[in-house]
Amino acid sequence: MKRVLLAGLLGGITMFVWATIAHVVLPLGRIGISEIPNEAPVLAALQASLGNNSGLYMFPGFGAGNNASRAQTNSAMGHYQEKLAANPSGLLVYHPAGAKAMTPAQLITEFLTEFLEALLASLLLARAALGSYSRRVAFVTTVGLVAVLATNVPYWNWYGFPGSYTISYMVTQVIGFLVVGLVAGKVLKTV
């Protein structure tokens, strides 16, 4: 178990370093994300409409309200296609003024997430008992591919995330699991 923990820790560190390189040094973290042209009036409208209510917003909304019954929601959804045809649509993650970027808490959360991913992949790898190094690396990379497909493709399909963003993020994550596989495959060569 100590070697699995070591593989998870070293894999998590390696994945964190890779993710940092991908987002800070390489353009992978910015592909498919655009700035809003002439954003000042949009920001003012968001502040006026949403104020201090952080959240994930879909627009246009169904029009049934936040506490609608199932019947009210179903009725509103019957007219949703018309709203989509007549209005722009999308998702908006909104935070009121005062947010901070790259805080220690965000970096710690990111590292802990990547450590947990690497630890779980290492636990699976230890149970798989694969003989060759290349098979161990391929196994962990495949675990990552499953995770990547489970989140990114539905976001592209249902919410309209840009294809370039989706592919870039998938590549970043698969490479992250590849580097975990390279490390964990060495540490767990004979468990």
Foldseek 3Di string as FASTA:
>chain_A
DVLLLVLLLVLLVLLLVLLCCCVPVNCLVPWQDDDDPPCVVVLVVCCVVQPAPFDKDKPPDLPQDDPHDPVSSVVSVVCVVVRVVVDPIAMDGDHHPDDDPPDPVVSVVSSVVSSVLLSVLLVVLLVVLDQDLVVQLVSQLVVQLVVLCVPLVCCCVPGVRDPRSSVSVSVSRSVSSSSSSNRSSVSVNDD
